[in-house]
């Protein structure tokens, strides 16, 4: 992935590293929506991957940041949780050479450029089983731009990106927890099925 060098963000504690899983991911898991083998794309320091692994899911977490993956591996080892963490590019998922039933994305999509988004959907197709679901949390256009941060995404942009071989199950309002928001940032929580 081009755009931003996220590795330097992990030298400290980035805003999206909240010391536990995103509550929206925990809710999806509690409702039984996240099934089978899971790919956590843009996993950061691994909180969502570790959480899902503890629930019995076989999880692979990938991130382009070597520092984030190093921290994720250390955390999983310390907690004695069996998770695979790899330094990989979300735009080249075919290199994983395997297929997943569910893919979670907590904060990757809103960091992609327009061109990268369409490359990303092709990349997702290379690793998501037919009938598999992609769950995405991204900052919504309803979130204030006062504090800067990543680009805000509209429902229309999500719909435009996921056409043809995708079925949008829902795009719901939710919150993206950060360590700079008191009550989380306004987000879209999407479930999208590969048809």
C-alpha atoms as a PDB file:
ATOM      1  CA  UNK A   1       0.000   0.000   0.000  1.00  0.00           C
ATOM      2  CA  UNK A   2       1.228   3.421  -0.833  1.00  0.00           C
ATOM      3  CA  UNK A   3      -0.022   6.610   0.806  1.00  0.00           C
ATOM      4  CA  UNK A   4       1.103   6.888   4.412  1.00  0.00           C
ATOM      5  CA  UNK A   5       3.960   5.324   6.368  1.00  0.00           C
ATOM      6  CA  UNK A   6       2.032   3.832   9.285  1.00  0.00           C
ATOM      7  CA  UNK A   7       5.093   2.109  10.743  1.00  0.00           C
ATOM      8  CA  UNK A   8       6.264   5.277  12.495  1.00  0.00           C
ATOM      9  CA  UNK A   9       2.810   5.560  14.148  1.00  0.00           C
ATOM     10  CA  UNK A  10       3.534   2.347  16.044  1.00  0.00           C
ATOM     11  CA  UNK A  11       6.723   3.668  17.618  1.00  0.00           C
ATOM     12  CA  UNK A  12       4.327   5.196  20.159  1.00  0.00           C
ATOM     13  CA  UNK A  13       0.645   4.463  20.737  1.00  0.00           C
ATOM     14  CA  UNK A  14      -1.456   5.434  17.709  1.00  0.00           C
ATOM     15  CA  UNK A  15      -4.977   6.849  18.240  1.00  0.00           C
ATOM     16  CA  UNK A  16      -6.649   3.640  17.073  1.00  0.00           C
ATOM     17  CA  UNK A  17      -4.747   1.417  19.537  1.00  0.00           C
ATOM     18  CA  UNK A  18      -7.208   1.215  22.437  1.00  0.00           C
ATOM     19  CA  UNK A  19      -5.716  -1.713  24.388  1.00  0.00           C
ATOM     20  CA  UNK A  20      -8.499  -4.129  23.483  1.00  0.00           C
ATOM     21  CA  UNK A  21     -10.752  -5.130  20.595  1.00  0.00           C
ATOM     22  CA  UNK A  22     -12.982  -2.597  18.911  1.00  0.00           C
ATOM     23  CA  UNK A  23     -16.381  -2.887  20.651  1.00  0.00           C
ATOM     24  CA  UNK A  24     -18.079  -3.091  17.231  1.00  0.00           C
ATOM     25  CA  UNK A  25     -15.974  -6.194  16.400  1.00  0.00           C
ATOM     26  CA  UNK A  26     -16.917  -7.712  19.760  1.00  0.00           C
ATOM     27  CA  UNK A  27     -20.613  -7.062  18.981  1.00  0.00           C
ATOM     28  CA  UNK A  28     -20.315  -8.703  15.546  1.00  0.00           C
ATOM     29  CA  UNK A  29     -18.685 -11.735  17.162  1.00  0.00           C
ATOM     30  CA  UNK A  30     -21.306 -11.893  19.939  1.00  0.00           C
ATOM     31  CA  UNK A  31     -24.062 -11.948  17.306  1.00  0.00           C
ATOM     32  CA  UNK A  32     -22.322 -14.865  15.570  1.00  0.00           C
ATOM     33  CA  UNK A  33     -21.702 -12.931  12.368  1.00  0.00           C
ATOM     34  CA  UNK A  34     -17.942 -13.558  12.194  1.00  0.00           C
ATOM     35  CA  UNK A  35     -17.658 -17.202  11.150  1.00  0.00           C
ATOM     36  CA  UNK A  36     -14.976 -19.735  10.223  1.00  0.00           C
ATOM     37  CA  UNK A  37     -11.375 -18.823   9.479  1.00  0.00           C
ATOM     38  CA  UNK A  38     -10.771 -15.078   9.815  1.00  0.00           C
ATOM     39  CA  UNK A  39      -8.405 -12.621   8.154  1.00  0.00           C
ATOM     40  CA  UNK A  40      -7.836  -9.388  10.073  1.00  0.00           C
ATOM     41  CA  UNK A  41      -6.630  -6.981   7.394  1.00  0.00           C
ATOM     42  CA  UNK A  42      -4.748  -3.984   8.792  1.00  0.00           C
ATOM     43  CA  UNK A  43      -4.571  -5.715  12.188  1.00  0.00           C
ATOM     44  CA  UNK A  44      -2.254  -3.215  13.873  1.00  0.00           C
ATOM     45  CA  UNK A  45      -1.036  -4.562  17.217  1.00  0.00           C
ATOM     46  CA  UNK A  46      -3.486  -7.457  17.008  1.00  0.00           C
ATOM     47  CA  UNK A  47      -6.210  -6.739  19.553  1.00  0.00           C
ATOM     48  CA  UNK A  48      -9.104  -7.838  17.310  1.00  0.00           C
ATOM     49  CA  UNK A  49      -7.199 -10.920  16.101  1.00  0.00           C
ATOM     50  CA  UNK A  50      -6.347 -11.988  19.637  1.00  0.00           C
ATOM     51  CA  UNK A  51      -9.929 -11.433  20.789  1.00  0.00           C
ATOM     52  CA  UNK A  52     -11.383 -13.567  17.974  1.00  0.00           C
ATOM     53  CA  UNK A  53      -8.763 -16.264  18.467  1.00  0.00           C
ATOM     54  CA  UNK A  54      -9.757 -16.508  22.140  1.00  0.00           C
ATOM     55  CA  UNK A  55     -13.323 -17.136  20.918  1.00  0.00           C
ATOM     56  CA  UNK A  56     -12.082 -20.177  18.997  1.00  0.00           C
ATOM     57  CA  UNK A  57     -11.573 -18.660  15.567  1.00  0.00           C
ATOM     58  CA  UNK A  58      -8.500 -19.496  13.497  1.00  0.00           C
ATOM     59  CA  UNK A  59      -7.126 -16.018  12.747  1.00  0.00           C
ATOM     60  CA  UNK A  60      -4.459 -14.519  10.517  1.00  0.00           C
ATOM     61  CA  UNK A  61      -3.675 -10.844  11.117  1.00  0.00           C
ATOM     62  CA  UNK A  62      -1.789  -8.840   8.498  1.00  0.00           C
ATOM     63  CA  UNK A  63      -0.412  -5.330   8.511  1.00  0.00           C
ATOM     64  CA  UNK A  64       2.086  -3.422   6.362  1.00  0.00           C
ATOM     65  CA  UNK A  65       3.807  -2.145   9.525  1.00  0.00           C
ATOM     66  CA  UNK A  66       6.652  -4.379  10.752  1.00  0.00           C
ATOM     67  CA  UNK A  67       6.569  -2.564  14.109  1.00  0.00           C
ATOM     68  CA  UNK A  68       2.846  -3.276  14.568  1.00  0.00           C
ATOM     69  CA  UNK A  69       3.323  -6.953  13.696  1.00  0.00           C
ATOM     70  CA  UNK A  70       6.264  -7.245  16.088  1.00  0.00           C
ATOM     71  CA  UNK A  71       4.080  -5.824  18.879  1.00  0.00           C
ATOM     72  CA  UNK A  72       1.165  -8.121  17.912  1.00  0.00           C
ATOM     73  CA  UNK A  73       3.368 -11.225  18.001  1.00  0.00           C
ATOM     74  CA  UNK A  74       4.809 -10.259  21.388  1.00  0.00           C
ATOM     75  CA  UNK A  75       1.324  -9.642  22.788  1.00  0.00           C
ATOM     76  CA  UNK A  76      -0.025 -12.983  21.487  1.00  0.00           C
ATOM     77  CA  UNK A  77       2.991 -14.821  22.904  1.00  0.00           C
ATOM     78  CA  UNK A  78       2.626 -13.121  26.289  1.00  0.00           C
ATOM     79  CA  UNK A  79      -1.090 -14.009  26.391  1.00  0.00           C
ATOM     80  CA  UNK A  80      -0.444 -17.525  25.021  1.00  0.00           C
ATOM     81  CA  UNK A  81      -2.891 -17.056  22.154  1.00  0.00           C
ATOM     82  CA  UNK A  82      -2.430 -18.915  18.872  1.00  0.00           C
ATOM     83  CA  UNK A  83      -2.656 -16.291  16.117  1.00  0.00           C
ATOM     84  CA  UNK A  84      -0.629 -15.909  12.935  1.00  0.00           C
ATOM     85  CA  UNK A  85       0.663 -12.384  12.327  1.00  0.00           C
ATOM     86  CA  UNK A  86       2.338 -11.422   9.025  1.00  0.00           C
ATOM     87  CA  UNK A  87       3.770  -8.294   7.437  1.00  0.00           C
ATOM     88  CA  UNK A  88       1.760  -8.108   4.211  1.00  0.00           C
ATOM     89  CA  UNK A  89       0.236  -5.570   1.846  1.00  0.00           C
ATOM     90  CA  UNK A  90      -3.586  -5.435   1.892  1.00  0.00           C
ATOM     91  CA  UNK A  91      -3.520  -4.755  -1.863  1.00  0.00           C
ATOM     92  CA  UNK A  92      -1.694  -8.046  -2.515  1.00  0.00           C
ATOM     93  CA  UNK A  93      -3.617 -10.542  -0.397  1.00  0.00           C
ATOM     94  CA  UNK A  94      -3.272 -13.251  -3.056  1.00  0.00           C
ATOM     95  CA  UNK A  95       0.252 -13.744  -1.664  1.00  0.00           C
ATOM     96  CA  UNK A  96      -1.330 -15.377   1.396  1.00  0.00           C
ATOM     97  CA  UNK A  97      -2.342 -18.280  -0.856  1.00  0.00           C
ATOM     98  CA  UNK A  98      -5.343 -19.252   1.240  1.00  0.00           C
ATOM     99  CA  UNK A  99      -9.058 -18.565   1.608  1.00  0.00           C
ATOM    100  CA  UNK A 100     -11.002 -17.182   4.577  1.00  0.00           C
ATOM    101  CA  UNK A 101     -14.674 -17.322   5.576  1.00  0.00           C
ATOM    102  CA  UNK A 102     -14.653 -13.863   7.186  1.00  0.00           C
ATOM    103  CA  UNK A 103     -12.478 -10.791   6.779  1.00  0.00           C
ATOM    104  CA  UNK A 104     -12.481  -7.957   9.293  1.00  0.00           C
ATOM    105  CA  UNK A 105     -11.235  -4.444   8.600  1.00  0.00           C
ATOM    106  CA  UNK A 106     -11.088  -2.051  11.514  1.00  0.00           C
ATOM    107  CA  UNK A 107      -9.848   1.247  10.129  1.00  0.00           C
ATOM    108  CA  UNK A 108      -8.034   0.259   6.939  1.00  0.00           C
ATOM    109  CA  UNK A 109     -10.628   1.211   4.312  1.00  0.00           C
ATOM    110  CA  UNK A 110     -10.828   4.894   5.265  1.00  0.00           C
ATOM    111  CA  UNK A 111      -7.053   5.177   4.791  1.00  0.00           C
ATOM    112  CA  UNK A 112      -7.165   4.050   1.162  1.00  0.00           C
ATOM    113  CA  UNK A 113      -7.207   6.372  -1.839  1.00  0.00           C
ATOM    114  CA  UNK A 114      -9.952   6.015  -4.476  1.00  0.00           C
ATOM    115  CA  UNK A 115      -7.681   3.949  -6.737  1.00  0.00           C
ATOM    116  CA  UNK A 116      -6.474   1.812  -3.835  1.00  0.00           C
ATOM    117  CA  UNK A 117     -10.055   1.030  -2.818  1.00  0.00           C
ATOM    118  CA  UNK A 118     -10.820  -0.643  -6.125  1.00  0.00           C
ATOM    119  CA  UNK A 119      -7.504  -2.542  -6.011  1.00  0.00           C
ATOM    120  CA  UNK A 120      -8.409  -3.569  -2.465  1.00  0.00           C
ATOM    121  CA  UNK A 121     -11.715  -5.145  -3.539  1.00  0.00           C
ATOM    122  CA  UNK A 122      -9.853  -7.250  -6.130  1.00  0.00           C
ATOM    123  CA  UNK A 123      -7.363  -8.230  -3.445  1.00  0.00           C
ATOM    124  CA  UNK A 124     -10.217  -9.250  -1.110  1.00  0.00           C
ATOM    125  CA  UNK A 125     -11.699 -11.462  -3.829  1.00  0.00           C
ATOM    126  CA  UNK A 126      -8.459 -13.446  -3.971  1.00  0.00           C
ATOM    127  CA  UNK A 127      -8.834 -14.607  -0.339  1.00  0.00           C
ATOM    128  CA  UNK A 128     -12.540 -14.489   0.583  1.00  0.00           C
ATOM    129  CA  UNK A 129     -14.597 -17.636   0.008  1.00  0.00           C
ATOM    130  CA  UNK A 130     -17.796 -17.386  -2.028  1.00  0.00           C
ATOM    131  CA  UNK A 131     -20.521 -16.574   0.460  1.00  0.00           C
ATOM    132  CA  UNK A 132     -17.867 -15.234   2.841  1.00  0.00           C
ATOM    133  CA  UNK A 133     -18.364 -11.872   4.531  1.00  0.00           C
ATOM    134  CA  UNK A 134     -16.212  -8.777   4.791  1.00  0.00           C
ATOM    135  CA  UNK A 135     -16.868  -6.662   7.897  1.00  0.00           C
ATOM    136  CA  UNK A 136     -15.623  -3.096   7.764  1.00  0.00           C
ATOM    137  CA  UNK A 137     -15.476  -0.261  10.293  1.00  0.00           C
ATOM    138  CA  UNK A 138     -14.563   3.137   8.855  1.00  0.00           C
ATOM    139  CA  UNK A 139     -14.996   6.759   9.877  1.00  0.00           C
ATOM    140  CA  UNK A 140     -18.228   8.113   8.431  1.00  0.00           C
ATOM    141  CA  UNK A 141     -18.885  11.441   6.783  1.00  0.00           C
ATOM    142  CA  UNK A 142     -20.941  12.292   9.896  1.00  0.00           C
ATOM    143  CA  UNK A 143     -17.743  12.440  11.994  1.00  0.00           C
ATOM    144  CA  UNK A 144     -16.394  15.929  12.695  1.00  0.00           C
ATOM    145  CA  UNK A 145     -13.376  17.030  10.698  1.00  0.00           C
ATOM    146  CA  UNK A 146     -12.252  19.316  13.553  1.00  0.00           C
ATOM    147  CA  UNK A 147      -9.569  16.918  14.786  1.00  0.00           C
ATOM    148  CA  UNK A 148      -8.136  15.961  11.388  1.00  0.00           C
ATOM    149  CA  UNK A 149      -7.554  12.254  11.055  1.00  0.00           C
ATOM    150  CA  UNK A 150      -8.326  10.082   8.033  1.00  0.00           C
ATOM    151  CA  UNK A 151     -10.744  10.761   5.236  1.00  0.00           C
ATOM    152  CA  UNK A 152     -14.424  10.359   6.095  1.00  0.00           C
ATOM    153  CA  UNK A 153     -16.373   7.877   3.977  1.00  0.00           C
ATOM    154  CA  UNK A 154     -19.939   8.187   2.682  1.00  0.00           C
ATOM    155  CA  UNK A 155     -22.409   5.334   2.308  1.00  0.00           C
ATOM    156  CA  UNK A 156     -22.400   6.087  -1.414  1.00  0.00           C
ATOM    157  CA  UNK A 157     -18.626   5.528  -1.589  1.00  0.00           C
ATOM    158  CA  UNK A 158     -18.991   2.148   0.105  1.00  0.00           C
ATOM    159  CA  UNK A 159     -21.788   1.160  -2.286  1.00  0.00           C
ATOM    160  CA  UNK A 160     -19.815   2.354  -5.306  1.00  0.00           C
ATOM    161  CA  UNK A 161     -16.718   0.393  -4.261  1.00  0.00           C
ATOM    162  CA  UNK A 162     -18.546  -2.885  -3.622  1.00  0.00           C
ATOM    163  CA  UNK A 163     -20.510  -3.632  -6.773  1.00  0.00           C
ATOM    164  CA  UNK A 164     -20.925  -6.576  -9.149  1.00  0.00           C
ATOM    165  CA  UNK A 165     -19.683  -9.615  -7.186  1.00  0.00           C
ATOM    166  CA  UNK A 166     -20.641  -8.182  -3.789  1.00  0.00           C
ATOM    167  CA  UNK A 167     -23.910  -7.945  -1.862  1.00  0.00           C
ATOM    168  CA  UNK A 168     -24.099  -5.241   0.778  1.00  0.00           C
ATOM    169  CA  UNK A 169     -25.915  -6.813   3.719  1.00  0.00           C
ATOM    170  CA  UNK A 170     -25.996  -3.568   5.695  1.00  0.00           C
ATOM    171  CA  UNK A 171     -24.243  -0.282   6.357  1.00  0.00           C
ATOM    172  CA  UNK A 172     -25.137   0.745   9.911  1.00  0.00           C
ATOM    173  CA  UNK A 173     -24.141   3.689  12.045  1.00  0.00           C
ATOM    174  CA  UNK A 174     -21.719   2.870  14.828  1.00  0.00           C
ATOM    175  CA  UNK A 175     -18.665   4.100  16.703  1.00  0.00           C
ATOM    176  CA  UNK A 176     -14.955   3.725  16.072  1.00  0.00           C
ATOM    177  CA  UNK A 177     -13.235   3.775  19.456  1.00  0.00           C
ATOM    178  CA  UNK A 178      -9.966   5.709  19.694  1.00  0.00           C
ATOM    179  CA  UNK A 179      -7.821   7.028  22.501  1.00  0.00           C
ATOM    180  CA  UNK A 180      -8.539  10.616  21.410  1.00  0.00           C
ATOM    181  CA  UNK A 181     -12.366  10.478  21.447  1.00  0.00           C
ATOM    182  CA  UNK A 182     -14.387  10.491  24.655  1.00  0.00           C
ATOM    183  CA  UNK A 183     -17.187   8.380  23.199  1.00  0.00           C
ATOM    184  CA  UNK A 184     -15.760   7.138  19.893  1.00  0.00           C
ATOM    185  CA  UNK A 185     -15.853   8.605  16.409  1.00  0.00           C
ATOM    186  CA  UNK A 186     -18.887   8.252  14.164  1.00  0.00           C
ATOM    187  CA  UNK A 187     -18.444   5.288  11.869  1.00  0.00           C
ATOM    188  CA  UNK A 188     -20.092   3.035   9.331  1.00  0.00           C
ATOM    189  CA  UNK A 189     -20.242  -0.649  10.229  1.00  0.00           C
ATOM    190  CA  UNK A 190     -20.660  -2.668   7.052  1.00  0.00           C
ATOM    191  CA  UNK A 191     -21.268  -6.313   6.281  1.00  0.00           C
ATOM    192  CA  UNK A 192     -20.596  -7.206   2.649  1.00  0.00           C
ATOM    193  CA  UNK A 193     -20.934 -10.715   1.215  1.00  0.00           C
ATOM    194  CA  UNK A 194     -19.018 -12.112  -1.724  1.00  0.00           C
ATOM    195  CA  UNK A 195     -21.585 -13.599  -4.124  1.00  0.00           C
END
